[in-house]
Protein backbone atom coordinates (compact mmCIF):
# COMPACT_ATOMS: atom_id res chain seq x y z
CA UNK A 1 -17.48 -48.73 39.85
CA UNK A 2 -19.67 -45.60 39.86
CA UNK A 3 -18.90 -44.57 36.28
CA UNK A 4 -20.12 -47.91 34.91
CA UNK A 5 -23.19 -47.84 37.12
CA UNK A 6 -23.97 -44.42 35.72
CA UNK A 7 -23.33 -45.70 32.20
CA UNK A 8 -25.78 -48.53 32.80
CA UNK A 9 -28.43 -46.28 34.28
CA UNK A 10 -28.33 -44.03 31.24
CA UNK A 11 -29.24 -46.85 28.91
CA UNK A 12 -31.46 -49.07 31.07
CA UNK A 13 -33.99 -46.53 32.31
CA UNK A 14 -36.77 -48.43 30.59
CA UNK A 15 -39.54 -46.08 31.56
CA UNK A 16 -37.75 -43.11 30.02
CA UNK A 17 -36.84 -45.15 26.95
CA UNK A 18 -40.39 -46.33 26.48
CA UNK A 19 -41.61 -42.77 26.78
CA UNK A 20 -39.18 -41.59 24.09
CA UNK A 21 -40.07 -44.47 21.80
CA UNK A 22 -43.76 -43.82 22.26
CA UNK A 23 -43.27 -40.21 21.21
CA UNK A 24 -41.51 -41.14 18.00
CA UNK A 25 -43.17 -44.50 17.16
CA UNK A 26 -42.74 -48.00 18.59
CA UNK A 27 -41.26 -49.64 15.49
CA UNK A 28 -39.69 -49.04 12.14
CA UNK A 29 -43.16 -48.25 10.95
CA UNK A 30 -43.16 -45.37 13.44
CA UNK A 31 -39.80 -44.28 12.09
CA UNK A 32 -41.23 -44.13 8.63
CA UNK A 33 -44.04 -41.93 9.83
CA UNK A 34 -41.59 -39.60 11.58
CA UNK A 35 -39.32 -39.39 8.57
CA UNK A 36 -42.31 -38.62 6.48
CA UNK A 37 -43.04 -35.61 8.64
CA UNK A 38 -39.45 -34.52 8.27
CA UNK A 39 -39.70 -34.86 4.52
CA UNK A 40 -42.68 -32.51 4.39
CA UNK A 41 -40.41 -29.76 5.78
CA UNK A 42 -37.52 -30.51 3.41
CA UNK A 43 -38.72 -28.04 0.81
CA UNK A 44 -38.70 -25.21 3.34
CA UNK A 45 -35.20 -26.12 4.45
CA UNK A 46 -34.12 -26.13 0.81
CA UNK A 47 -34.95 -22.45 0.51
CA UNK A 48 -32.72 -21.54 3.40
CA UNK A 49 -29.95 -23.83 2.13
CA UNK A 50 -30.20 -22.28 -1.30
CA UNK A 51 -29.84 -18.81 0.17
CA UNK A 52 -26.78 -19.92 2.13
CA UNK A 53 -25.30 -21.43 -1.01
CA UNK A 54 -25.78 -18.11 -2.73
CA UNK A 55 -23.91 -16.37 0.09
CA UNK A 56 -21.14 -18.93 -0.17
CA UNK A 57 -20.91 -18.30 -3.88
CA UNK A 58 -20.35 -14.59 -3.24
CA UNK A 59 -17.56 -15.39 -0.76
CA UNK A 60 -15.77 -17.86 -3.06
CA UNK A 61 -13.98 -15.01 -4.73
CA UNK A 62 -12.12 -14.48 -1.45
CA UNK A 63 -9.61 -11.71 -1.30
CA UNK A 64 -10.15 -10.65 -4.89
CA UNK A 65 -13.87 -10.09 -4.54
CA UNK A 66 -13.49 -8.50 -1.11
CA UNK A 67 -10.88 -6.06 -2.41
CA UNK A 68 -13.03 -5.22 -5.42
CA UNK A 69 -16.00 -4.46 -3.19
CA UNK A 70 -13.94 -2.23 -0.87
CA UNK A 71 -12.44 -0.28 -3.78
CA UNK A 72 -15.83 0.30 -5.40
CA UNK A 73 -17.36 1.42 -2.11
CA UNK A 74 -14.47 3.79 -1.35
CA UNK A 75 -14.54 5.38 -4.82
CA UNK A 76 -18.31 5.85 -4.63
CA UNK A 77 -17.84 7.52 -1.24
CA UNK A 78 -15.25 9.90 -2.72
CA UNK A 79 -17.51 10.83 -5.62
CA UNK A 80 -20.46 11.52 -3.32
CA UNK A 81 -18.34 13.55 -0.86
CA UNK A 82 -16.76 15.76 -3.52
CA UNK A 83 -19.54 15.93 -6.10
CA UNK A 84 -17.09 14.68 -8.71
CA UNK A 85 -18.26 13.42 -12.07
CA UNK A 86 -19.26 9.78 -12.15
CA UNK A 87 -17.59 9.51 -15.54
CA UNK A 88 -14.19 10.04 -13.88
CA UNK A 89 -14.59 7.00 -11.61
CA UNK A 90 -11.76 5.10 -13.27
CA UNK A 91 -9.20 7.85 -12.75
CA UNK A 92 -10.17 8.34 -9.08
CA UNK A 93 -9.96 4.59 -8.61
CA UNK A 94 -6.45 4.59 -10.07
CA UNK A 95 -5.35 7.32 -7.62
CA UNK A 96 -6.91 5.38 -4.75
CA UNK A 97 -5.15 2.16 -5.72
CA UNK A 98 -1.79 3.88 -6.14
CA UNK A 99 -1.98 5.41 -2.66
CA UNK A 100 -3.04 2.08 -1.15
CA UNK A 101 -0.32 0.19 -2.98
CA UNK A 102 2.27 2.70 -1.70
CA UNK A 103 1.19 1.70 1.85
CA UNK A 104 -0.50 4.92 2.96
CA UNK A 105 -3.72 5.10 4.94
CA UNK A 106 -5.43 2.52 7.12
CA UNK A 107 -7.66 1.11 4.40
CA UNK A 108 -9.43 2.07 1.18
CA UNK A 109 -12.12 4.08 2.97
CA UNK A 110 -9.55 6.03 4.98
CA UNK A 111 -7.73 6.91 1.76
CA UNK A 112 -10.96 7.91 0.02
CA UNK A 113 -11.90 10.19 2.94
CA UNK A 114 -8.44 11.79 2.85
CA UNK A 115 -8.63 12.26 -0.92
CA UNK A 116 -12.01 13.95 -0.48
CA UNK A 117 -10.58 16.37 2.09
CA UNK A 118 -7.70 17.24 -0.25
CA UNK A 119 -10.05 17.75 -3.18
CA UNK A 120 -12.44 19.88 -1.10
CA UNK A 121 -9.62 22.13 0.14
CA UNK A 122 -7.56 22.45 -3.04
CA UNK A 123 -10.31 22.34 -5.66
CA UNK A 124 -9.58 21.11 -9.17
CA UNK A 125 -6.12 19.56 -9.20
CA UNK A 126 -4.32 17.02 -11.36
CA UNK A 127 -4.51 13.36 -10.40
CA UNK A 128 -0.80 13.20 -9.62
CA UNK A 129 -1.05 16.15 -7.21
CA UNK A 130 -4.15 14.65 -5.61
CA UNK A 131 -2.13 11.50 -4.98
CA UNK A 132 0.98 13.32 -3.73
CA UNK A 133 -0.86 15.67 -1.37
CA UNK A 134 -2.96 12.81 0.03
CA UNK A 135 0.16 10.73 0.65
CA UNK A 136 1.94 13.66 2.30
CA UNK A 137 -1.08 14.39 4.50
CA UNK A 138 -1.38 10.75 5.57
CA UNK A 139 2.36 10.47 6.28
CA UNK A 140 2.24 13.68 8.32
CA UNK A 141 -0.76 12.33 10.25
CA UNK A 142 0.95 9.03 10.98
CA UNK A 143 4.17 10.77 12.05
CA UNK A 144 3.08 13.89 13.95
CA UNK A 145 -0.63 13.36 14.55
CA UNK A 146 -1.79 16.23 12.29
CA UNK A 147 -5.32 15.58 11.05
CA UNK A 148 -5.52 15.41 7.27
CA UNK A 149 -8.01 18.24 6.83
CA UNK A 150 -5.99 20.53 9.14
CA UNK A 151 -2.65 19.96 7.43
CA UNK A 152 -4.21 20.38 3.98
CA UNK A 153 -5.79 23.65 5.07
CA UNK A 154 -2.44 24.92 6.37
CA UNK A 155 -0.65 23.81 3.20
CA UNK A 156 -3.22 25.60 1.05
CA UNK A 157 -2.72 28.79 3.08
CA UNK A 158 1.03 28.63 2.43
CA UNK A 159 0.39 27.98 -1.26
CA UNK A 160 -2.08 30.84 -1.61
CA UNK A 161 -0.12 33.45 0.36
CA UNK A 162 3.44 32.67 -0.69
CA UNK A 163 2.98 31.07 -4.10
CA UNK A 164 4.76 27.80 -3.25
CA UNK A 165 3.81 24.27 -4.31
CA UNK A 166 1.98 21.74 -2.18
CA UNK A 167 5.19 19.71 -1.87
CA UNK A 168 7.14 22.77 -0.65
CA UNK A 169 4.35 23.61 1.80
CA UNK A 170 4.38 20.13 3.31
CA UNK A 171 8.18 20.16 3.47
CA UNK A 172 8.05 23.33 5.59
CA UNK A 173 5.28 22.00 7.84
CA UNK A 174 7.25 18.79 8.39
CA UNK A 175 10.44 20.73 9.17
CA UNK A 176 8.50 22.91 11.61
CA UNK A 177 7.19 19.85 13.44
CA UNK A 178 10.67 18.28 13.52
CA UNK A 179 12.17 21.43 15.02
CA UNK A 180 9.65 21.75 17.82
CA UNK A 181 7.39 24.50 16.50
CA UNK A 182 4.31 22.45 17.39
CA UNK A 183 5.24 21.83 21.01
CA UNK A 184 2.13 23.76 22.08
CA UNK A 185 -0.04 22.28 19.34
CA UNK A 186 -0.43 25.62 17.54
CA UNK A 187 1.75 25.28 14.43
CA UNK A 188 -1.05 24.68 11.92
CA UNK A 189 -3.33 27.28 13.50
CA UNK A 190 -0.52 29.84 13.45
CA UNK A 191 0.13 29.15 9.78
CA UNK A 192 -3.55 29.65 8.96
CA UNK A 193 -3.94 32.82 11.02
CA UNK A 194 -0.71 34.70 10.40
CA UNK A 195 0.51 33.77 6.91
CA UNK A 196 -1.37 36.73 5.43
CA UNK A 197 0.30 39.12 7.90
CA UNK A 198 3.78 37.79 7.24
CA UNK A 199 3.16 38.24 3.54
CA UNK A 200 1.92 41.80 4.04
CA UNK A 201 5.11 42.58 5.95
CA UNK A 202 7.17 41.42 3.00
CA UNK A 203 8.23 38.03 4.42
CA UNK A 204 8.10 34.74 2.51
CA UNK A 205 7.17 31.29 3.78
CA UNK A 206 10.73 30.40 4.78
CA UNK A 207 11.09 33.74 6.58
CA UNK A 208 7.92 33.02 8.53
CA UNK A 209 9.14 29.64 9.77
CA UNK A 210 12.58 31.07 10.62
CA UNK A 211 10.88 33.90 12.51
CA UNK A 212 8.83 31.39 14.47
CA UNK A 213 11.94 29.40 15.33
CA UNK A 214 14.12 32.38 16.25
CA UNK A 215 11.42 33.85 18.43
CA UNK A 216 10.71 30.53 20.15
CA UNK A 217 14.40 29.95 20.87
CA UNK A 218 14.69 33.45 22.28
CA UNK A 219 12.07 32.96 24.95
CA UNK A 220 8.68 33.14 23.24
CA UNK A 221 6.19 30.89 25.02
CA UNK A 222 4.19 30.22 21.90
CA UNK A 223 4.69 30.83 18.20
CA UNK A 224 1.15 32.20 18.21
CA UNK A 225 2.50 35.17 20.17
CA UNK A 226 5.18 35.72 17.52
CA UNK A 227 2.60 35.72 14.78
CA UNK A 228 0.47 38.13 16.77
CA UNK A 229 3.45 40.47 17.13
CA UNK A 230 3.90 40.54 13.36
CA UNK A 231 0.20 41.23 12.96
CA UNK A 232 0.18 44.10 15.47
CA UNK A 233 3.27 45.67 13.89
CA UNK A 234 1.74 45.59 10.42
CA UNK A 235 -1.48 47.21 11.63
CA UNK A 236 0.35 50.03 13.46
CA UNK A 237 2.72 50.70 10.58
CA UNK A 238 -0.13 51.06 8.12
CA UNK A 239 -2.47 53.20 10.21
CA UNK A 240 0.30 55.65 11.21
CA UNK A 241 -0.21 55.22 14.94
CA UNK A 242 3.49 54.49 15.44
CA UNK A 243 4.70 57.56 13.51
CA UNK A 244 6.07 59.35 16.57
CA UNK A 245 8.07 56.29 17.61
CA UNK A 246 9.48 56.01 14.10
CA UNK A 247 10.61 59.62 14.25
CA UNK A 248 12.21 58.95 17.64
CA UNK A 249 14.21 56.21 15.95
CA UNK A 250 15.21 58.75 13.27
CA UNK A 251 13.26 56.88 10.59
CA UNK A 252 11.17 58.49 7.90
CA UNK A 253 7.67 57.65 9.10
CA UNK A 254 6.10 58.39 5.72
CA UNK A 255 8.51 56.15 3.85
CA UNK A 256 8.10 53.30 6.37
CA UNK A 257 4.31 53.55 6.35
CA UNK A 258 4.24 53.65 2.54
CA UNK A 259 6.60 50.66 2.28
CA UNK A 260 4.44 48.55 4.58
CA UNK A 261 1.44 49.47 2.47
CA UNK A 262 3.19 48.35 -0.73
CA UNK A 263 4.14 44.98 0.70
CA UNK A 264 6.70 42.67 -0.91
CA UNK A 265 10.38 43.61 -0.83
CA UNK A 266 9.62 47.16 0.25
CA UNK A 267 7.70 45.91 3.28
CA UNK A 268 10.48 43.49 4.09
CA UNK A 269 12.98 46.34 4.00
CA UNK A 270 10.78 48.47 6.23
CA UNK A 271 10.30 45.59 8.71
CA UNK A 272 14.08 45.24 9.10
CA UNK A 273 14.55 48.99 9.47
CA UNK A 274 12.00 49.22 12.28
CA UNK A 275 13.43 46.33 14.29
CA UNK A 276 16.97 47.59 13.78
CA UNK A 277 15.84 51.07 14.86
CA UNK A 278 14.44 49.63 18.07
CA UNK A 279 17.74 47.88 18.76
CA UNK A 280 19.63 51.17 18.39
CA UNK A 281 17.60 52.95 21.06
CA UNK A 282 19.93 53.01 24.05
CA UNK A 283 17.59 54.37 26.68
CA UNK A 284 15.58 51.43 28.10
CA UNK A 285 12.53 53.57 28.82
CA UNK A 286 12.47 55.10 25.36
CA UNK A 287 13.05 51.66 23.81
CA UNK A 288 10.18 50.19 25.79
CA UNK A 289 7.87 53.06 24.84
CA UNK A 290 8.68 52.66 21.15
CA UNK A 291 8.34 48.87 21.35
CA UNK A 292 4.85 49.08 22.83
CA UNK A 293 3.85 51.66 20.24
CA UNK A 294 4.94 49.35 17.41
CA UNK A 295 4.11 45.85 18.73
CA UNK A 296 1.44 46.61 21.32
CA UNK A 297 1.15 44.23 24.26
CA UNK A 298 3.23 41.66 22.37
CA UNK A 299 6.34 43.70 23.16
CA UNK A 300 5.85 42.94 26.85
CA UNK A 301 4.51 39.43 26.34
CA UNK A 302 7.43 38.30 24.20
CA UNK A 303 10.24 40.48 25.50
CA UNK A 304 12.71 42.44 23.41
CA UNK A 305 15.05 39.48 22.88
CA UNK A 306 12.36 37.51 21.08
CA UNK A 307 11.32 40.57 19.06
CA UNK A 308 14.87 41.35 17.97
CA UNK A 309 15.54 37.71 17.08
CA UNK A 310 12.70 37.68 14.55
CA UNK A 311 14.84 39.39 11.90
CA UNK A 312 17.83 37.15 12.42
CA UNK A 313 16.89 34.72 9.69
CA UNK A 314 18.91 31.53 9.77
CA UNK A 315 18.98 28.55 7.43
CA UNK A 316 16.95 26.18 9.60
CA UNK A 317 14.18 25.93 7.00
CA UNK A 318 14.38 25.14 3.34
CA UNK A 319 11.22 24.55 1.35
CA UNK A 320 13.21 22.85 -1.41
CA UNK A 321 14.55 20.18 0.97
CA UNK A 322 12.59 16.96 0.32
CA UNK A 323 11.70 16.46 3.96
CA UNK A 324 8.48 14.55 3.35
CA UNK A 325 10.18 11.81 1.33
CA UNK A 326 12.86 11.52 3.99
CA UNK A 327 10.15 11.06 6.62
CA UNK A 328 8.40 8.43 4.49
CA UNK A 329 11.58 6.45 3.94
CA UNK A 330 12.20 6.22 7.69
CA UNK A 331 8.59 6.01 8.87
CA UNK A 332 7.58 3.04 6.78
CA UNK A 333 10.92 1.23 6.66
CA UNK A 334 10.17 -1.53 9.16
CA UNK A 335 9.19 -5.18 9.05
CA UNK A 336 5.56 -4.63 9.94
CA UNK A 337 5.01 -2.05 7.20
CA UNK A 338 6.92 -4.23 4.74
CA UNK A 339 4.48 -7.08 5.35
CA UNK A 340 1.56 -4.67 5.06
CA UNK A 341 2.95 -3.37 1.78
CA UNK A 342 3.37 -6.93 0.49
CA UNK A 343 -0.23 -7.75 1.41
CA UNK A 344 -1.50 -4.64 -0.36
CA UNK A 345 0.45 -5.40 -3.51
CA UNK A 346 -1.00 -8.92 -3.54
CA UNK A 347 -4.47 -7.44 -3.20
CA UNK A 348 -3.81 -5.15 -6.14
CA UNK A 349 -2.62 -8.11 -8.21
CA UNK A 350 -5.84 -10.05 -7.60
CA UNK A 351 -8.12 -7.02 -7.92
CA UNK A 352 -8.72 -7.57 -11.67
CA UNK A 353 -9.77 -11.13 -10.83
CA UNK A 354 -12.25 -9.80 -8.29
CA UNK A 355 -13.65 -7.34 -10.84
CA UNK A 356 -14.07 -10.23 -13.29
CA UNK A 357 -15.65 -12.56 -10.72
CA UNK A 358 -18.26 -10.15 -9.45
CA UNK A 359 -20.59 -10.40 -12.50
CA UNK A 360 -20.20 -14.19 -12.53
CA UNK A 361 -21.09 -14.49 -8.86
CA UNK A 362 -24.12 -12.28 -9.35
CA UNK A 363 -25.26 -14.57 -12.17
CA UNK A 364 -24.80 -17.65 -9.96
CA UNK A 365 -26.91 -16.12 -7.22
CA UNK A 366 -29.57 -15.15 -9.72
CA UNK A 367 -29.67 -18.67 -11.21
CA UNK A 368 -30.09 -20.25 -7.76
CA UNK A 369 -32.83 -17.77 -6.90
CA UNK A 370 -34.67 -18.28 -10.19
CA UNK A 371 -34.58 -22.08 -9.88
CA UNK A 372 -35.42 -22.34 -6.20
CA UNK A 373 -38.93 -23.83 -6.82
CA UNK A 374 -37.38 -26.60 -8.92
CA UNK A 375 -34.71 -27.30 -6.28
CA UNK A 376 -37.40 -27.44 -3.62
CA UNK A 377 -39.44 -29.87 -5.73
CA UNK A 378 -36.45 -32.19 -6.23
CA UNK A 379 -35.78 -32.34 -2.50
CA UNK A 380 -39.45 -33.02 -1.76
CA UNK A 381 -39.40 -35.92 -4.26
CA UNK A 382 -36.20 -37.42 -2.84
CA UNK A 383 -37.27 -37.21 0.80
CA UNK A 384 -39.94 -40.01 0.63
CA UNK A 385 -37.48 -42.28 -1.17
CA UNK A 386 -34.88 -41.81 1.56
CA UNK A 387 -37.54 -42.31 4.22
CA UNK A 388 -38.67 -45.59 2.67
CA UNK A 389 -35.06 -46.77 2.38
CA UNK A 390 -34.48 -46.29 6.12
CA UNK A 391 -37.76 -48.00 6.92
CA UNK A 392 -36.72 -51.07 4.90
CA UNK A 393 -33.17 -51.27 6.24
CA UNK A 394 -33.90 -50.78 9.93
CA UNK A 395 -35.54 -54.18 10.80
CA UNK A 396 -32.70 -56.35 9.41
CA UNK A 397 -30.18 -54.05 11.10
CA UNK A 398 -31.92 -54.60 14.46
CA UNK A 399 -31.95 -58.38 13.89
CA UNK A 400 -28.23 -58.30 13.18
CA UNK A 401 -27.53 -56.37 16.37
CA UNK A 402 -29.57 -58.79 18.46
CA UNK A 403 -27.71 -61.75 16.96
CA UNK A 404 -24.23 -60.29 17.54
CA UNK A 405 -24.83 -58.94 21.03
CA UNK A 406 -24.66 -62.28 22.94
CA UNK A 407 -21.32 -63.10 21.30
CA UNK A 408 -20.00 -59.66 22.19
CA UNK A 409 -21.17 -60.00 25.79
CA UNK A 410 -19.46 -63.36 26.17
CA UNK A 411 -16.23 -61.89 24.80
CA UNK A 412 -16.39 -59.00 27.26
CA UNK A 413 -16.93 -61.39 30.16
CA UNK A 414 -13.72 -63.17 29.22
CA UNK A 415 -11.59 -60.07 28.67
CA UNK A 416 -12.63 -57.68 31.44
CA UNK A 417 -11.30 -59.73 34.42
CA UNK A 418 -7.88 -59.89 32.73
CA UNK A 419 -7.91 -56.14 32.10
CA UNK A 420 -8.90 -55.45 35.69
CA UNK A 421 -6.07 -57.60 37.05
CA UNK A 422 -3.61 -55.93 34.69
CA UNK A 423 -4.63 -52.48 35.88
CA UNK A 424 -4.26 -53.50 39.52
CA UNK A 425 -0.70 -54.66 38.82
CA UNK A 426 0.54 -51.88 36.53
CA UNK A 427 -0.96 -48.71 38.04
CA UNK A 428 0.99 -48.82 41.36
CA UNK A 429 4.22 -49.33 39.41
CA UNK A 430 3.45 -46.33 37.18
CA UNK A 431 2.70 -44.15 40.19
CA UNK A 432 5.95 -45.16 41.88
CA UNK A 433 7.85 -44.44 38.67
CA UNK A 434 6.30 -40.97 38.39
CA UNK A 435 7.08 -40.18 42.01
CA UNK A 436 10.71 -41.17 41.41
CA UNK A 437 11.14 -39.21 38.16
CA UNK A 438 9.18 -36.11 39.11
CA UNK A 439 11.77 -34.31 41.36
CA UNK A 440 14.66 -34.36 38.83
CA UNK A 441 12.22 -33.54 36.05
CA UNK A 442 11.00 -30.48 37.94
CA UNK A 443 14.59 -29.36 38.53
CA UNK A 444 15.27 -29.57 34.80
CA UNK A 445 12.12 -27.61 34.03
CA UNK A 446 13.00 -24.99 36.62
CA UNK A 447 16.44 -24.50 35.04
CA UNK A 448 15.45 -24.61 31.39
CA UNK A 449 12.05 -22.91 31.33
CA UNK A 450 13.25 -19.33 32.10
CA UNK A 451 15.85 -19.63 29.33
CA UNK A 452 13.20 -20.82 26.88
CA UNK A 453 10.93 -17.93 27.84
CA UNK A 454 13.75 -15.41 27.26
CA UNK A 455 14.50 -16.95 23.87
CA UNK A 456 10.86 -16.95 22.83
CA UNK A 457 10.23 -13.28 23.62
CA UNK A 458 12.29 -11.81 20.70
CA UNK A 459 11.02 -14.56 18.42
CA UNK A 460 7.43 -13.71 19.27
CA UNK A 461 8.20 -10.03 18.63
CA UNK A 462 9.51 -10.93 15.17
CA UNK A 463 6.51 -13.13 14.49
CA UNK A 464 4.04 -10.35 15.31
CA UNK A 465 4.31 -8.72 11.83
CA UNK A 466 3.75 -12.16 10.30
CA UNK A 467 0.63 -12.59 12.41
CA UNK A 468 -0.52 -9.10 11.39
CA UNK A 469 0.02 -10.08 7.76
CA UNK A 470 -1.90 -13.35 8.19
CA UNK A 471 -4.80 -11.73 10.04
CA UNK A 472 -6.54 -10.50 6.86
CA UNK A 473 -6.19 -13.98 5.38
CA UNK A 474 -7.72 -15.48 8.54
CA UNK A 475 -10.54 -12.95 8.36
CA UNK A 476 -11.04 -13.90 4.72
CA UNK A 477 -11.19 -17.60 5.62
CA UNK A 478 -13.81 -16.88 8.27
CA UNK A 479 -15.79 -14.92 5.71
CA UNK A 480 -15.70 -17.90 3.35
CA UNK A 481 -16.63 -20.34 6.12
CA UNK A 482 -19.53 -18.24 7.38
CA UNK A 483 -21.94 -19.34 4.62
CA UNK A 484 -20.89 -22.95 5.21
CA UNK A 485 -21.76 -22.57 8.88
CA UNK A 486 -25.13 -21.18 7.87
CA UNK A 487 -25.76 -24.22 5.73
CA UNK A 488 -24.75 -26.50 8.60
CA UNK A 489 -27.09 -24.66 10.95
CA UNK A 490 -29.93 -25.22 8.52
CA UNK A 491 -29.16 -28.86 7.81
CA UNK A 492 -28.31 -29.83 11.38
CA UNK A 493 -31.80 -29.61 12.94
CA UNK A 494 -33.47 -32.08 10.52
CA UNK A 495 -30.38 -34.30 10.62
CA UNK A 496 -30.42 -34.28 14.42
CA UNK A 497 -34.10 -35.12 14.41
CA UNK A 498 -33.46 -38.01 12.05
CA UNK A 499 -30.63 -39.42 14.15
CA UNK A 500 -32.66 -39.02 17.33
CA UNK A 501 -35.50 -40.94 15.77
CA UNK A 502 -33.18 -43.77 14.72
CA UNK A 503 -31.63 -44.00 18.19
CA UNK A 504 -34.98 -44.01 19.95
CA UNK A 505 -36.30 -46.81 17.75
CA UNK A 506 -33.12 -48.83 18.16
CA UNK A 507 -32.87 -48.17 21.87
CA UNK A 508 -35.46 -50.63 23.09
CA UNK A 509 -33.95 -53.80 21.54
CA UNK A 510 -30.56 -52.78 22.93
CA UNK A 511 -31.72 -52.10 26.46
CA UNK A 512 -31.13 -55.62 27.73
CA UNK A 513 -27.70 -55.72 26.14
CA UNK A 514 -26.59 -52.46 27.76
CA UNK A 515 -28.03 -53.55 31.05
CA UNK A 516 -26.00 -56.76 30.89
CA UNK A 517 -22.81 -54.86 29.96
CA UNK A 518 -23.29 -52.38 32.80
CA UNK A 519 -23.87 -55.18 35.27
CA UNK A 520 -20.77 -57.08 34.18
CA UNK A 521 -18.55 -54.00 34.21
CA UNK A 522 -19.85 -52.88 37.56
CA UNK A 523 -19.22 -56.28 39.13
CA UNK A 524 -15.82 -56.86 37.64
CA UNK A 525 -14.37 -53.44 38.33
CA UNK A 526 -15.83 -52.91 41.79
CA UNK A 527 -13.04 -54.93 43.37
CA UNK A 528 -10.32 -53.50 41.19
CA UNK A 529 -11.43 -49.93 41.72
CA UNK A 530 -10.67 -49.87 45.39
CA UNK A 531 -7.20 -51.22 44.68
CA UNK A 532 -6.31 -48.56 42.13
CA UNK A 533 -8.21 -45.68 43.73
CA UNK A 534 -5.20 -44.63 45.78
CA UNK A 535 -2.96 -44.90 42.74
CA UNK A 536 -5.24 -42.63 40.71
CA UNK A 537 -5.31 -40.11 43.54
CA UNK A 538 -1.49 -40.13 43.60
CA UNK A 539 -1.35 -39.47 39.86
CA UNK A 540 -3.84 -36.66 40.29
CA UNK A 541 -1.66 -35.08 42.96
CA UNK A 542 1.43 -35.39 40.76
CA UNK A 543 -0.12 -33.62 37.80
CA UNK A 544 -1.71 -31.02 40.07
CA UNK A 545 1.77 -30.11 41.32
CA UNK A 546 3.09 -29.90 37.75
CA UNK A 547 0.26 -27.57 36.73
CA UNK A 548 0.79 -25.34 39.77
CA UNK A 549 4.51 -25.15 39.02
CA UNK A 550 4.04 -24.07 35.41
CA UNK A 551 1.39 -21.53 36.40
CA UNK A 552 3.66 -20.00 39.03
CA UNK A 553 6.58 -19.83 36.57
CA UNK A 554 4.60 -17.84 34.05
CA UNK A 555 3.18 -15.53 36.73
CA UNK A 556 6.64 -14.84 38.16
CA UNK A 557 6.06 -16.63 41.48
CA UNK A 558 9.40 -18.50 41.42
CA UNK A 559 9.63 -19.23 45.15
CA UNK A 560 6.29 -20.91 45.14
CA UNK A 561 7.27 -22.84 42.01
CA UNK A 562 10.32 -24.24 43.78
CA UNK A 563 8.15 -25.22 46.73
CA UNK A 564 5.91 -27.25 44.42
CA UNK A 565 8.83 -29.39 43.28
């Protein structure tokens, strides 16, 4: 049988064996010399092992230490980005942890970056507002895709121009997004550009959003155009260029111009009077002339319907409505986010442990580093002792092997013919049995497998959040194992060299034994092999068909699967 011939050739190539033995020493005395060389390098290996042990010590803290490191890094990043006082680290850390625990942001660094953007835009604010605005900005980003810095900038504009709170500003922005005001991606830009003009025309934040909505529903292509119309009207009312049109509408041009200049309620009154005056102009040409004089090109761009609708304030927007919390309750109320929230709360629970472990781990690393020369010396002292022990034990071990080998060979000579005969008898029966059972078995698989696949799909979907939850733990385990792998990589080369040396020295006395075994096995099985060769080929074909069937099932090739049965 070819496999046993190959087995024999591996072990009885005496020339190759002699060459290997000559390289490493021809006896146990040679082994001792080789081990001695290995021992000389043990001190160097000890340094690397000690370093790996230090790394392992740092990773022992696991999740706790990892979380502590991430928090510290994120807080430091926030302080550097905002120029905040280092003395206030603890309070910034508390805000960071609260946001993370509430399940906002991708990770600690993402939260810290968002906090920095809020702080940069809003300036000095209370910790609670820093937390609330950051959470609102992150929720708005996750829901509508608004970048944190952009939404904060828009919220600040609303706060500055209309005197509303950050919560009210975010409620309005969220309502605007829900009601389609950002369909062209210009909601935040329009807020930033036109809030000042709406305020100057006597409109409040709610009025502005209602104006945007009414104009959009009345045919305006973009809310930017609506904002531009308000801007153009304010400019023309203040500079007096629309005075003639105001007179044509039978309005007191001086009073209107003065009211727009005063702003507030007076400007709001004047705004309504002008739009209403335009509505009352019956002649289309005169109405168009007056509209262009007041709104400029926006009168033609938007159309009169959109212009007139701007004063028809509805109740679509309400800054007091807690829209952001409603969004949060729905957005994060799912199994995946529940698992993520659970993981984060666990991390917060172990964070104090991580903070406590960090100094201890640093001390352990320092102790190992400080005592490395002593550790190296101990290993160098032990290495010759171990070498001498192997040198003493090897000769009697070889004698024992040589004494047992003839007995073992005789036993094999008695057993192998029986095993060969047994295989010749049993294998054809097994093949016939498989050929008989395979067709009904394939029919059962064909019927049941699609059902199993359908059942597994929803189960796998439910398990995905669990896998997402376990992923950080798996990553943590790999982090802990990494130093161990480093140690193994350092220890393995000398260990491999030692084992190789032992094998090479022991190889020569065993050559005759392996040669005898290979010869016996080759002779005994040569006759049996031909008898069972066909049977093995039949088994191979059977399992090949099974594999093809399963592969075709999972790739959707059902017709081909049936053909394989």
